[in-house]
Amino acid sequence: MDSVRSDPATSRGQWPGGPAVALKILVAGGFGAGKTTLVGAVSQIRPLRTEEQISELSRPIDDTSGVEAKRTTTVAMDFGRIDLREGLALYLFGTPGQDRFWFVWDELARGALGAVVLADTRRLADCFPSVDFFEQRGIPFLVAVNCFEGTEVFAPEDVRAALDLDPGVPVLLCDARSREDGKKLLIALVEHAADRRAGAVVPSG
């Protein structure tokens, strides 16, 4: 699915059951960072989830340190939708966090407008692969620090330094359970992607 999609089959550029324009956004990050929670908090439809119980066999493979209470994991993707106005929607795709499911990332990232990379400061290194993935593919992204209850809150600039991010990459604090926080993240990402696209336009002459 492309980040901006229209169907030439009709004069209004619509297809049955879908908006005229759909913007595709990914929600990425490490295992247990809150991706499923964020998609569920902002989606206007009941989100599609592909979660399975974490078995005892998978615990030696999936590092649950810091998130010992986690009982399920996404094995394919989460999907949600937000209608911005008539004919314009955001499609949200939450990616699986474990290494063994990364083969689906390239397919999910195809045509994406940008990505929200969720970070958990208890396991900050877990979001390095997501950051590297989007940097290497030139996909605009921001880092959203999910402020879990009972954890130390770090300043965005400290997180930026720890992740060695470019100065232009937005770093925001959030509560992944909050719909308002989720909306602010998506707005910031769309604005960041628009700025990146405008900066990439080379004036003629």
N, C-alpha and C. Protein backbone atom coordinates (compact mmCIF):
# COMPACT_ATOMS: atom_id res chain seq x y z
N MET A 1 0.84 -1.18 0.00
CA MET A 1 0.00 0.00 0.00
C MET A 1 0.89 1.24 0.00
N ASP A 2 0.65 2.14 -0.91
CA ASP A 2 1.45 3.35 -0.99
C ASP A 2 1.03 4.34 0.08
N SER A 3 1.97 5.28 0.39
CA SER A 3 1.66 6.27 1.41
C SER A 3 0.53 7.19 0.97
N VAL A 4 0.47 7.50 -0.32
CA VAL A 4 -0.65 8.27 -0.86
C VAL A 4 -1.23 7.46 -2.00
N ARG A 5 -2.47 7.06 -1.87
CA ARG A 5 -3.02 6.08 -2.81
C ARG A 5 -4.34 6.59 -3.36
N SER A 6 -4.52 6.43 -4.66
CA SER A 6 -5.82 6.72 -5.26
C SER A 6 -6.09 5.68 -6.32
N ASP A 7 -7.33 5.50 -6.64
CA ASP A 7 -7.75 4.50 -7.61
C ASP A 7 -8.32 5.22 -8.82
N PRO A 8 -7.65 5.10 -10.00
CA PRO A 8 -8.12 5.81 -11.18
C PRO A 8 -9.38 5.23 -11.79
N ALA A 9 -9.90 4.18 -11.17
CA ALA A 9 -11.07 3.52 -11.77
C ALA A 9 -12.31 4.39 -11.74
N THR A 10 -12.33 5.37 -10.82
CA THR A 10 -13.49 6.25 -10.76
C THR A 10 -13.03 7.69 -10.90
N SER A 11 -13.93 8.56 -11.28
CA SER A 11 -13.57 9.95 -11.54
C SER A 11 -13.16 10.67 -10.27
N ARG A 12 -13.63 10.20 -9.10
CA ARG A 12 -13.29 10.86 -7.85
C ARG A 12 -12.09 10.22 -7.17
N GLY A 13 -11.47 9.25 -7.81
CA GLY A 13 -10.29 8.63 -7.23
C GLY A 13 -10.56 7.79 -6.01
N GLN A 14 -11.77 7.22 -5.88
CA GLN A 14 -12.12 6.40 -4.73
C GLN A 14 -12.27 4.95 -5.16
N TRP A 15 -12.17 4.05 -4.19
CA TRP A 15 -12.48 2.66 -4.44
C TRP A 15 -13.49 2.22 -3.39
N PRO A 16 -14.27 1.15 -3.69
CA PRO A 16 -15.35 0.75 -2.78
C PRO A 16 -14.83 0.50 -1.37
N GLY A 17 -15.44 1.17 -0.40
CA GLY A 17 -15.10 0.94 1.00
C GLY A 17 -13.86 1.64 1.49
N GLY A 18 -13.18 2.41 0.65
CA GLY A 18 -11.94 3.04 1.08
C GLY A 18 -11.94 4.53 0.82
N PRO A 19 -11.00 5.25 1.48
CA PRO A 19 -10.92 6.70 1.27
C PRO A 19 -10.24 7.01 -0.06
N ALA A 20 -10.39 8.25 -0.52
CA ALA A 20 -9.74 8.67 -1.75
C ALA A 20 -8.23 8.71 -1.57
N VAL A 21 -7.77 9.12 -0.38
CA VAL A 21 -6.35 9.20 -0.08
C VAL A 21 -6.09 8.52 1.26
N ALA A 22 -5.09 7.64 1.30
CA ALA A 22 -4.71 6.96 2.54
C ALA A 22 -3.23 7.16 2.79
N LEU A 23 -2.89 7.65 3.96
CA LEU A 23 -1.50 7.84 4.36
C LEU A 23 -1.10 6.68 5.27
N LYS A 24 0.02 6.07 4.95
CA LYS A 24 0.47 4.89 5.68
C LYS A 24 1.57 5.27 6.66
N ILE A 25 1.37 4.95 7.93
CA ILE A 25 2.34 5.25 8.98
C ILE A 25 2.66 3.97 9.74
N LEU A 26 3.94 3.78 10.03
CA LEU A 26 4.37 2.62 10.80
C LEU A 26 4.59 3.01 12.26
N VAL A 27 4.33 2.07 13.14
CA VAL A 27 4.65 2.21 14.56
C VAL A 27 5.62 1.10 14.89
N ALA A 28 6.86 1.46 15.17
CA ALA A 28 7.93 0.48 15.36
C ALA A 28 8.55 0.66 16.74
N GLY A 29 9.54 -0.19 17.04
CA GLY A 29 10.22 -0.12 18.32
C GLY A 29 10.50 -1.50 18.85
N GLY A 30 11.14 -1.55 19.99
CA GLY A 30 11.54 -2.82 20.57
C GLY A 30 10.39 -3.60 21.18
N PHE A 31 10.72 -4.80 21.61
CA PHE A 31 9.77 -5.71 22.25
C PHE A 31 9.22 -5.07 23.52
N GLY A 32 7.88 -4.95 23.63
CA GLY A 32 7.26 -4.43 24.82
C GLY A 32 7.30 -2.92 24.97
N ALA A 33 7.61 -2.20 23.89
CA ALA A 33 7.73 -0.74 23.98
C ALA A 33 6.39 -0.03 24.00
N GLY A 34 5.31 -0.72 23.59
CA GLY A 34 3.98 -0.11 23.62
C GLY A 34 3.35 0.11 22.27
N LYS A 35 3.82 -0.57 21.24
CA LYS A 35 3.31 -0.36 19.88
C LYS A 35 1.84 -0.73 19.76
N THR A 36 1.48 -1.90 20.24
CA THR A 36 0.08 -2.34 20.18
C THR A 36 -0.82 -1.39 20.97
N THR A 37 -0.33 -0.94 22.12
CA THR A 37 -1.09 -0.02 22.96
C THR A 37 -1.33 1.30 22.23
N LEU A 38 -0.31 1.84 21.57
CA LEU A 38 -0.45 3.11 20.87
C LEU A 38 -1.44 3.01 19.72
N VAL A 39 -1.32 1.95 18.91
CA VAL A 39 -2.24 1.78 17.78
C VAL A 39 -3.68 1.67 18.30
N GLY A 40 -3.88 0.92 19.36
CA GLY A 40 -5.22 0.77 19.92
C GLY A 40 -5.77 2.06 20.50
N ALA A 41 -4.87 2.90 21.05
CA ALA A 41 -5.32 4.15 21.68
C ALA A 41 -5.83 5.16 20.67
N VAL A 42 -5.23 5.21 19.49
CA VAL A 42 -5.58 6.26 18.53
C VAL A 42 -6.53 5.78 17.43
N SER A 43 -6.63 4.48 17.21
CA SER A 43 -7.45 3.98 16.10
C SER A 43 -8.93 4.25 16.34
N GLN A 44 -9.61 4.67 15.28
CA GLN A 44 -11.06 4.91 15.35
C GLN A 44 -11.86 3.65 15.06
N ILE A 45 -11.20 2.62 14.60
CA ILE A 45 -11.85 1.33 14.41
C ILE A 45 -11.26 0.36 15.44
N ARG A 46 -11.93 -0.74 15.62
CA ARG A 46 -11.36 -1.76 16.49
C ARG A 46 -10.09 -2.28 15.82
N PRO A 47 -8.93 -2.13 16.47
CA PRO A 47 -7.69 -2.49 15.79
C PRO A 47 -7.57 -3.98 15.52
N LEU A 48 -6.95 -4.28 14.39
CA LEU A 48 -6.62 -5.66 14.07
C LEU A 48 -5.32 -6.00 14.78
N ARG A 49 -5.32 -7.06 15.54
CA ARG A 49 -4.12 -7.46 16.27
C ARG A 49 -3.77 -8.90 15.96
N THR A 50 -2.48 -9.17 15.86
CA THR A 50 -2.02 -10.54 15.64
C THR A 50 -1.11 -10.90 16.81
N GLU A 51 -1.72 -11.05 17.98
CA GLU A 51 -0.96 -11.33 19.19
C GLU A 51 -1.08 -12.80 19.57
N GLU A 52 0.01 -13.33 20.12
CA GLU A 52 0.02 -14.68 20.64
C GLU A 52 0.59 -14.66 22.05
N GLN A 53 0.20 -15.65 22.83
CA GLN A 53 0.74 -15.77 24.18
C GLN A 53 2.24 -16.06 24.12
N ILE A 54 2.99 -15.46 25.04
CA ILE A 54 4.41 -15.75 25.14
C ILE A 54 4.55 -17.09 25.88
N SER A 55 5.12 -18.05 25.21
CA SER A 55 5.27 -19.37 25.81
C SER A 55 6.59 -19.47 26.56
N GLU A 56 6.69 -20.49 27.37
CA GLU A 56 7.95 -20.71 28.10
C GLU A 56 9.08 -21.03 27.13
N LEU A 57 8.75 -21.62 25.98
CA LEU A 57 9.78 -21.93 24.99
C LEU A 57 10.36 -20.67 24.37
N SER A 58 9.53 -19.60 24.26
CA SER A 58 10.01 -18.38 23.61
C SER A 58 10.75 -17.45 24.57
N ARG A 59 10.62 -17.68 25.88
CA ARG A 59 11.25 -16.76 26.83
C ARG A 59 12.77 -16.73 26.72
N PRO A 60 13.44 -17.87 26.45
CA PRO A 60 14.89 -17.77 26.26
C PRO A 60 15.27 -16.99 25.00
N ILE A 61 14.34 -16.89 24.02
CA ILE A 61 14.61 -16.19 22.76
C ILE A 61 14.28 -14.71 22.90
N ASP A 62 13.14 -14.40 23.50
CA ASP A 62 12.70 -13.02 23.66
C ASP A 62 13.14 -12.51 25.04
N ASP A 63 13.96 -11.49 25.04
CA ASP A 63 14.44 -10.89 26.28
C ASP A 63 13.32 -10.10 26.93
N THR A 64 12.80 -10.59 28.05
CA THR A 64 11.70 -9.91 28.73
C THR A 64 12.17 -9.13 29.95
N SER A 65 13.47 -8.93 30.10
CA SER A 65 13.96 -8.16 31.25
C SER A 65 13.42 -6.74 31.17
N GLY A 66 12.83 -6.30 32.28
CA GLY A 66 12.22 -4.98 32.32
C GLY A 66 10.75 -5.00 31.96
N VAL A 67 10.30 -6.05 31.27
CA VAL A 67 8.89 -6.17 30.90
C VAL A 67 8.40 -7.58 31.26
N GLU A 68 8.76 -8.02 32.45
CA GLU A 68 8.46 -9.40 32.87
C GLU A 68 6.97 -9.69 32.90
N ALA A 69 6.15 -8.65 33.09
CA ALA A 69 4.70 -8.87 33.17
C ALA A 69 4.05 -9.05 31.81
N LYS A 70 4.78 -8.85 30.73
CA LYS A 70 4.20 -8.97 29.39
C LYS A 70 3.83 -10.42 29.11
N ARG A 71 2.61 -10.65 28.65
CA ARG A 71 2.11 -12.01 28.42
C ARG A 71 1.86 -12.33 26.96
N THR A 72 1.75 -11.29 26.10
CA THR A 72 1.49 -11.53 24.67
C THR A 72 2.51 -10.78 23.83
N THR A 73 2.60 -11.16 22.56
CA THR A 73 3.51 -10.49 21.64
C THR A 73 2.91 -10.47 20.24
N THR A 74 3.19 -9.40 19.49
CA THR A 74 2.72 -9.27 18.12
C THR A 74 3.59 -10.13 17.22
N VAL A 75 2.96 -10.96 16.39
CA VAL A 75 3.72 -11.87 15.53
C VAL A 75 3.63 -11.48 14.05
N ALA A 76 2.80 -10.54 13.69
CA ALA A 76 2.73 -10.10 12.29
C ALA A 76 2.64 -8.58 12.24
N MET A 77 1.50 -8.04 12.66
CA MET A 77 1.34 -6.59 12.68
C MET A 77 0.09 -6.23 13.46
N ASP A 78 0.02 -4.96 13.86
CA ASP A 78 -1.22 -4.37 14.34
C ASP A 78 -1.70 -3.42 13.25
N PHE A 79 -3.01 -3.24 13.16
CA PHE A 79 -3.54 -2.33 12.15
C PHE A 79 -4.64 -1.48 12.74
N GLY A 80 -4.56 -0.17 12.51
CA GLY A 80 -5.60 0.75 12.94
C GLY A 80 -5.84 1.81 11.89
N ARG A 81 -6.89 2.57 12.06
CA ARG A 81 -7.26 3.58 11.06
C ARG A 81 -7.82 4.82 11.75
N ILE A 82 -7.45 5.98 11.23
CA ILE A 82 -7.98 7.25 11.68
C ILE A 82 -8.49 8.00 10.46
N ASP A 83 -9.75 8.42 10.48
CA ASP A 83 -10.30 9.25 9.42
C ASP A 83 -10.07 10.71 9.76
N LEU A 84 -9.22 11.39 8.99
CA LEU A 84 -8.91 12.79 9.25
C LEU A 84 -10.03 13.70 8.77
N ARG A 85 -10.57 13.39 7.63
CA ARG A 85 -11.72 14.08 7.07
C ARG A 85 -12.26 13.19 5.97
N GLU A 86 -13.36 13.57 5.36
CA GLU A 86 -13.95 12.73 4.32
C GLU A 86 -12.96 12.53 3.18
N GLY A 87 -12.69 11.28 2.89
CA GLY A 87 -11.79 10.96 1.78
C GLY A 87 -10.32 10.92 2.14
N LEU A 88 -9.97 11.17 3.42
CA LEU A 88 -8.56 11.16 3.83
C LEU A 88 -8.42 10.40 5.14
N ALA A 89 -7.56 9.38 5.14
CA ALA A 89 -7.40 8.54 6.32
C ALA A 89 -5.93 8.23 6.56
N LEU A 90 -5.61 7.96 7.83
CA LEU A 90 -4.31 7.44 8.21
C LEU A 90 -4.46 5.95 8.50
N TYR A 91 -3.62 5.16 7.88
CA TYR A 91 -3.56 3.73 8.19
C TYR A 91 -2.33 3.49 9.04
N LEU A 92 -2.50 2.88 10.19
CA LEU A 92 -1.40 2.63 11.13
C LEU A 92 -1.05 1.16 11.13
N PHE A 93 0.23 0.87 10.96
CA PHE A 93 0.72 -0.50 10.96
C PHE A 93 1.77 -0.63 12.06
N GLY A 94 1.46 -1.42 13.08
CA GLY A 94 2.42 -1.69 14.13
C GLY A 94 3.27 -2.89 13.77
N THR A 95 4.58 -2.74 13.83
CA THR A 95 5.49 -3.81 13.42
C THR A 95 5.82 -4.71 14.61
N PRO A 96 6.14 -5.98 14.35
CA PRO A 96 6.60 -6.84 15.44
C PRO A 96 7.98 -6.40 15.91
N GLY A 97 8.27 -6.58 17.19
CA GLY A 97 9.50 -6.06 17.74
C GLY A 97 10.67 -7.04 17.78
N GLN A 98 10.40 -8.33 17.71
CA GLN A 98 11.49 -9.30 17.85
C GLN A 98 12.26 -9.51 16.55
N ASP A 99 13.53 -9.84 16.69
CA ASP A 99 14.41 -10.03 15.54
C ASP A 99 13.86 -11.05 14.54
N ARG A 100 13.26 -12.11 15.04
CA ARG A 100 12.87 -13.20 14.15
C ARG A 100 11.68 -12.84 13.25
N PHE A 101 11.01 -11.71 13.51
CA PHE A 101 9.89 -11.27 12.68
C PHE A 101 10.26 -10.11 11.76
N TRP A 102 11.53 -9.74 11.70
CA TRP A 102 11.91 -8.57 10.93
C TRP A 102 11.76 -8.77 9.42
N PHE A 103 11.60 -10.01 8.97
CA PHE A 103 11.43 -10.24 7.53
C PHE A 103 10.18 -9.56 7.00
N VAL A 104 9.23 -9.21 7.88
CA VAL A 104 8.01 -8.54 7.41
C VAL A 104 8.17 -7.02 7.35
N TRP A 105 9.26 -6.49 7.90
CA TRP A 105 9.41 -5.04 7.97
C TRP A 105 9.46 -4.39 6.61
N ASP A 106 10.23 -4.97 5.68
CA ASP A 106 10.37 -4.36 4.36
C ASP A 106 9.02 -4.25 3.66
N GLU A 107 8.20 -5.28 3.80
CA GLU A 107 6.88 -5.26 3.16
C GLU A 107 6.00 -4.20 3.80
N LEU A 108 6.01 -4.12 5.13
CA LEU A 108 5.19 -3.13 5.82
C LEU A 108 5.66 -1.71 5.53
N ALA A 109 6.97 -1.53 5.33
CA ALA A 109 7.52 -0.18 5.14
C ALA A 109 7.31 0.34 3.73
N ARG A 110 6.95 -0.52 2.79
CA ARG A 110 6.82 -0.09 1.40
C ARG A 110 5.73 0.98 1.28
N GLY A 111 6.12 2.17 0.79
CA GLY A 111 5.17 3.25 0.59
C GLY A 111 4.79 4.02 1.84
N ALA A 112 5.49 3.78 2.95
CA ALA A 112 5.13 4.47 4.19
C ALA A 112 5.51 5.94 4.14
N LEU A 113 4.62 6.78 4.64
CA LEU A 113 4.91 8.20 4.76
C LEU A 113 5.98 8.45 5.81
N GLY A 114 5.95 7.69 6.88
CA GLY A 114 6.91 7.86 7.95
C GLY A 114 6.65 6.85 9.05
N ALA A 115 7.39 6.98 10.15
CA ALA A 115 7.29 6.01 11.23
C ALA A 115 7.44 6.68 12.59
N VAL A 116 6.73 6.14 13.57
CA VAL A 116 6.92 6.47 14.97
C VAL A 116 7.72 5.34 15.59
N VAL A 117 8.89 5.64 16.14
CA VAL A 117 9.71 4.64 16.82
C VAL A 117 9.51 4.82 18.32
N LEU A 118 8.84 3.85 18.94
CA LEU A 118 8.61 3.92 20.38
C LEU A 118 9.85 3.44 21.12
N ALA A 119 10.23 4.19 22.15
CA ALA A 119 11.41 3.85 22.94
C ALA A 119 11.02 3.67 24.40
N ASP A 120 11.60 2.66 25.02
CA ASP A 120 11.45 2.40 26.45
C ASP A 120 12.82 2.64 27.06
N THR A 121 12.96 3.65 27.93
CA THR A 121 14.28 3.99 28.45
C THR A 121 14.87 2.89 29.33
N ARG A 122 14.04 1.93 29.76
CA ARG A 122 14.57 0.80 30.51
C ARG A 122 15.33 -0.15 29.59
N ARG A 123 14.99 -0.10 28.30
CA ARG A 123 15.60 -0.98 27.30
C ARG A 123 15.86 -0.15 26.04
N LEU A 124 16.57 0.94 26.20
CA LEU A 124 16.71 1.90 25.10
C LEU A 124 17.38 1.29 23.88
N ALA A 125 18.32 0.40 24.09
CA ALA A 125 19.04 -0.21 22.96
C ALA A 125 18.13 -0.98 22.03
N ASP A 126 16.94 -1.38 22.54
CA ASP A 126 16.01 -2.17 21.71
C ASP A 126 15.49 -1.40 20.51
N CYS A 127 15.54 -0.06 20.56
CA CYS A 127 15.00 0.69 19.42
C CYS A 127 16.08 1.05 18.39
N PHE A 128 17.34 0.69 18.66
CA PHE A 128 18.41 0.93 17.68
C PHE A 128 18.12 0.29 16.33
N PRO A 129 17.66 -0.98 16.27
CA PRO A 129 17.39 -1.58 14.96
C PRO A 129 16.34 -0.81 14.17
N SER A 130 15.30 -0.31 14.85
CA SER A 130 14.27 0.46 14.15
C SER A 130 14.85 1.76 13.60
N VAL A 131 15.63 2.45 14.42
CA VAL A 131 16.26 3.69 13.98
C VAL A 131 17.14 3.43 12.77
N ASP A 132 17.96 2.39 12.85
CA ASP A 132 18.85 2.05 11.72
C ASP A 132 18.06 1.72 10.47
N PHE A 133 16.97 0.96 10.63
CA PHE A 133 16.15 0.54 9.50
C PHE A 133 15.63 1.75 8.74
N PHE A 134 15.05 2.71 9.44
CA PHE A 134 14.45 3.87 8.77
C PHE A 134 15.50 4.84 8.26
N GLU A 135 16.61 4.97 8.97
CA GLU A 135 17.69 5.82 8.47
C GLU A 135 18.24 5.29 7.16
N GLN A 136 18.48 3.98 7.08
CA GLN A 136 19.06 3.38 5.88
C GLN A 136 18.13 3.48 4.68
N ARG A 137 16.83 3.51 4.92
CA ARG A 137 15.87 3.57 3.81
C ARG A 137 15.35 4.98 3.54
N GLY A 138 15.84 5.94 4.29
CA GLY A 138 15.44 7.33 4.06
C GLY A 138 13.99 7.60 4.39
N ILE A 139 13.41 6.83 5.32
CA ILE A 139 12.01 7.02 5.71
C ILE A 139 11.97 7.97 6.90
N PRO A 140 11.23 9.07 6.82
CA PRO A 140 11.15 10.00 7.95
C PRO A 140 10.59 9.30 9.19
N PHE A 141 11.17 9.61 10.34
CA PHE A 141 10.68 9.01 11.58
C PHE A 141 10.91 9.97 12.74
N LEU A 142 10.18 9.74 13.80
CA LEU A 142 10.44 10.42 15.06
C LEU A 142 10.54 9.37 16.15
N VAL A 143 11.16 9.74 17.26
CA VAL A 143 11.28 8.84 18.40
C VAL A 143 10.33 9.31 19.48
N ALA A 144 9.47 8.42 19.94
CA ALA A 144 8.50 8.70 21.00
C ALA A 144 8.89 7.90 22.23
N VAL A 145 9.29 8.59 23.29
CA VAL A 145 9.70 7.93 24.53
C VAL A 145 8.45 7.64 25.35
N ASN A 146 8.14 6.35 25.50
CA ASN A 146 6.96 5.94 26.24
C ASN A 146 7.29 6.00 27.73
N CYS A 147 6.66 6.90 28.44
CA CYS A 147 6.96 7.13 29.86
C CYS A 147 6.15 6.17 30.73
N PHE A 148 6.71 5.00 30.98
CA PHE A 148 6.04 4.01 31.80
C PHE A 148 6.00 4.46 33.26
N GLU A 149 4.92 4.07 33.95
CA GLU A 149 4.78 4.44 35.36
C GLU A 149 5.93 3.87 36.17
N GLY A 150 6.48 4.70 37.05
CA GLY A 150 7.53 4.23 37.94
C GLY A 150 8.92 4.26 37.35
N THR A 151 9.06 4.72 36.10
CA THR A 151 10.39 4.79 35.49
C THR A 151 10.88 6.23 35.47
N GLU A 152 12.20 6.38 35.44
CA GLU A 152 12.78 7.72 35.41
C GLU A 152 12.49 8.38 34.06
N VAL A 153 12.13 9.65 34.10
CA VAL A 153 11.84 10.40 32.87
C VAL A 153 13.09 11.18 32.48
N PHE A 154 13.55 10.93 31.25
CA PHE A 154 14.73 11.61 30.74
C PHE A 154 14.32 12.71 29.77
N ALA A 155 15.12 13.75 29.71
CA ALA A 155 14.86 14.84 28.78
C ALA A 155 15.04 14.35 27.35
N PRO A 156 14.24 14.86 26.41
CA PRO A 156 14.37 14.44 25.00
C PRO A 156 15.80 14.57 24.47
N GLU A 157 16.51 15.62 24.85
CA GLU A 157 17.87 15.79 24.35
C GLU A 157 18.82 14.72 24.87
N ASP A 158 18.57 14.22 26.09
CA ASP A 158 19.38 13.12 26.62
C ASP A 158 19.13 11.84 25.82
N VAL A 159 17.87 11.61 25.46
CA VAL A 159 17.54 10.43 24.65
C VAL A 159 18.15 10.57 23.26
N ARG A 160 18.09 11.77 22.70
CA ARG A 160 18.69 12.02 21.39
C ARG A 160 20.19 11.69 21.40
N ALA A 161 20.87 12.14 22.45
CA ALA A 161 22.31 11.89 22.56
C ALA A 161 22.59 10.40 22.72
N ALA A 162 21.77 9.72 23.53
CA ALA A 162 21.98 8.29 23.76
C ALA A 162 21.78 7.47 22.50
N LEU A 163 20.85 7.90 21.64
CA LEU A 163 20.57 7.19 20.39
C LEU A 163 21.40 7.71 19.22
N ASP A 164 22.16 8.78 19.45
CA ASP A 164 23.00 9.38 18.42
C ASP A 164 22.16 9.76 17.19
N LEU A 165 21.06 10.45 17.44
CA LEU A 165 20.15 10.84 16.37
C LEU A 165 20.60 12.12 15.70
N ASP A 166 20.23 12.27 14.44
CA ASP A 166 20.47 13.53 13.75
C ASP A 166 19.66 14.63 14.43
N PRO A 167 20.15 15.88 14.40
CA PRO A 167 19.44 16.97 15.06
C PRO A 167 18.02 17.18 14.56
N GLY A 168 17.74 16.82 13.31
CA GLY A 168 16.42 17.07 12.75
C GLY A 168 15.37 16.03 13.11
N VAL A 169 15.77 14.95 13.79
CA VAL A 169 14.80 13.90 14.15
C VAL A 169 14.07 14.31 15.43
N PRO A 170 12.75 14.47 15.37
CA PRO A 170 12.01 14.86 16.59
C PRO A 170 12.06 13.76 17.65
N VAL A 171 12.20 14.17 18.91
CA VAL A 171 12.11 13.26 20.06
C VAL A 171 11.06 13.82 21.00
N LEU A 172 10.03 13.03 21.27
CA LEU A 172 8.90 13.48 22.09
C LEU A 172 8.65 12.50 23.22
N LEU A 173 8.16 13.01 24.33
CA LEU A 173 7.73 12.16 25.44
C LEU A 173 6.24 11.88 25.29
N CYS A 174 5.81 10.68 25.68
CA CYS A 174 4.39 10.34 25.52
C CYS A 174 3.98 9.27 26.50
N ASP A 175 2.68 9.10 26.60
CA ASP A 175 2.07 7.96 27.26
C ASP A 175 1.32 7.22 26.16
N ALA A 176 1.79 6.04 25.79
CA ALA A 176 1.20 5.31 24.66
C ALA A 176 -0.26 4.97 24.89
N ARG A 177 -0.74 5.05 26.11
CA ARG A 177 -2.15 4.75 26.40
C ARG A 177 -3.06 5.93 26.12
N SER A 178 -2.47 7.11 25.93
CA SER A 178 -3.25 8.34 25.79
C SER A 178 -3.57 8.63 24.33
N ARG A 179 -4.83 8.75 24.02
CA ARG A 179 -5.25 9.09 22.66
C ARG A 179 -4.71 10.46 22.25
N GLU A 180 -4.75 11.43 23.18
CA GLU A 180 -4.26 12.76 22.85
C GLU A 180 -2.77 12.76 22.57
N ASP A 181 -2.00 12.04 23.36
CA ASP A 181 -0.57 11.92 23.10
C ASP A 181 -0.32 11.27 21.75
N GLY A 182 -1.09 10.23 21.45
CA GLY A 182 -0.93 9.55 20.16
C GLY A 182 -1.21 10.47 18.99
N LYS A 183 -2.26 11.28 19.12
CA LYS A 183 -2.59 12.23 18.05
C LYS A 183 -1.48 13.25 17.85
N LYS A 184 -0.89 13.72 18.97
CA LYS A 184 0.21 14.68 18.86
C LYS A 184 1.41 14.06 18.16
N LEU A 185 1.69 12.80 18.44
CA LEU A 185 2.79 12.12 17.77
C LEU A 185 2.56 12.04 16.27
N LEU A 186 1.35 11.67 15.87
CA LEU A 186 1.05 11.51 14.45
C LEU A 186 1.10 12.85 13.73
N ILE A 187 0.60 13.90 14.36
CA ILE A 187 0.66 15.23 13.76
C ILE A 187 2.12 15.65 13.58
N ALA A 188 2.93 15.42 14.63
CA ALA A 188 4.35 15.79 14.55
C ALA A 188 5.05 15.00 13.45
N LEU A 189 4.70 13.73 13.30
CA LEU A 189 5.33 12.92 12.26
C LEU A 189 4.95 13.41 10.87
N VAL A 190 3.67 13.68 10.64
CA VAL A 190 3.24 14.17 9.32
C VAL A 190 3.93 15.49 8.99
N GLU A 191 4.03 16.38 9.98
CA GLU A 191 4.71 17.65 9.75
C GLU A 191 6.19 17.44 9.45
N HIS A 192 6.82 16.51 10.17
CA HIS A 192 8.24 16.21 9.94
C HIS A 192 8.45 15.63 8.54
N ALA A 193 7.56 14.71 8.14
CA ALA A 193 7.67 14.12 6.81
C ALA A 193 7.48 15.18 5.72
N ALA A 194 6.53 16.10 5.94
CA ALA A 194 6.29 17.17 4.97
C ALA A 194 7.51 18.08 4.87
N ASP A 195 8.14 18.40 6.03
CA ASP A 195 9.33 19.23 6.00
C ASP A 195 10.48 18.53 5.27
N ARG A 196 10.61 17.23 5.51
CA ARG A 196 11.66 16.46 4.83
C ARG A 196 11.44 16.46 3.33
N ARG A 197 10.18 16.29 2.93
CA ARG A 197 9.88 16.25 1.49
C ARG A 197 10.12 17.62 0.86
N ALA A 198 9.73 18.69 1.56
CA ALA A 198 9.95 20.04 1.03
C ALA A 198 11.43 20.35 0.92
N GLY A 199 12.22 19.89 1.89
CA GLY A 199 13.66 20.13 1.86
C GLY A 199 14.37 19.37 0.78
N ALA A 200 13.73 18.26 0.32
CA ALA A 200 14.35 17.44 -0.72
C ALA A 200 14.10 18.00 -2.10
N VAL A 201 13.18 18.97 -2.23
CA VAL A 201 12.88 19.57 -3.53
C VAL A 201 13.97 20.57 -3.89
N VAL A 202 14.63 20.36 -4.98
CA VAL A 202 15.69 21.25 -5.42
C VAL A 202 15.10 22.30 -6.36
N PRO A 203 15.21 23.58 -6.02
CA PRO A 203 14.64 24.62 -6.88
C PRO A 203 15.24 24.56 -8.29
N SER A 204 14.38 24.77 -9.28
CA SER A 204 14.86 24.75 -10.67
C SER A 204 15.54 26.07 -10.98
N GLY A 205 16.42 26.03 -11.98
CA GLY A 205 17.09 27.24 -12.44
C GLY A 205 18.26 27.58 -11.57
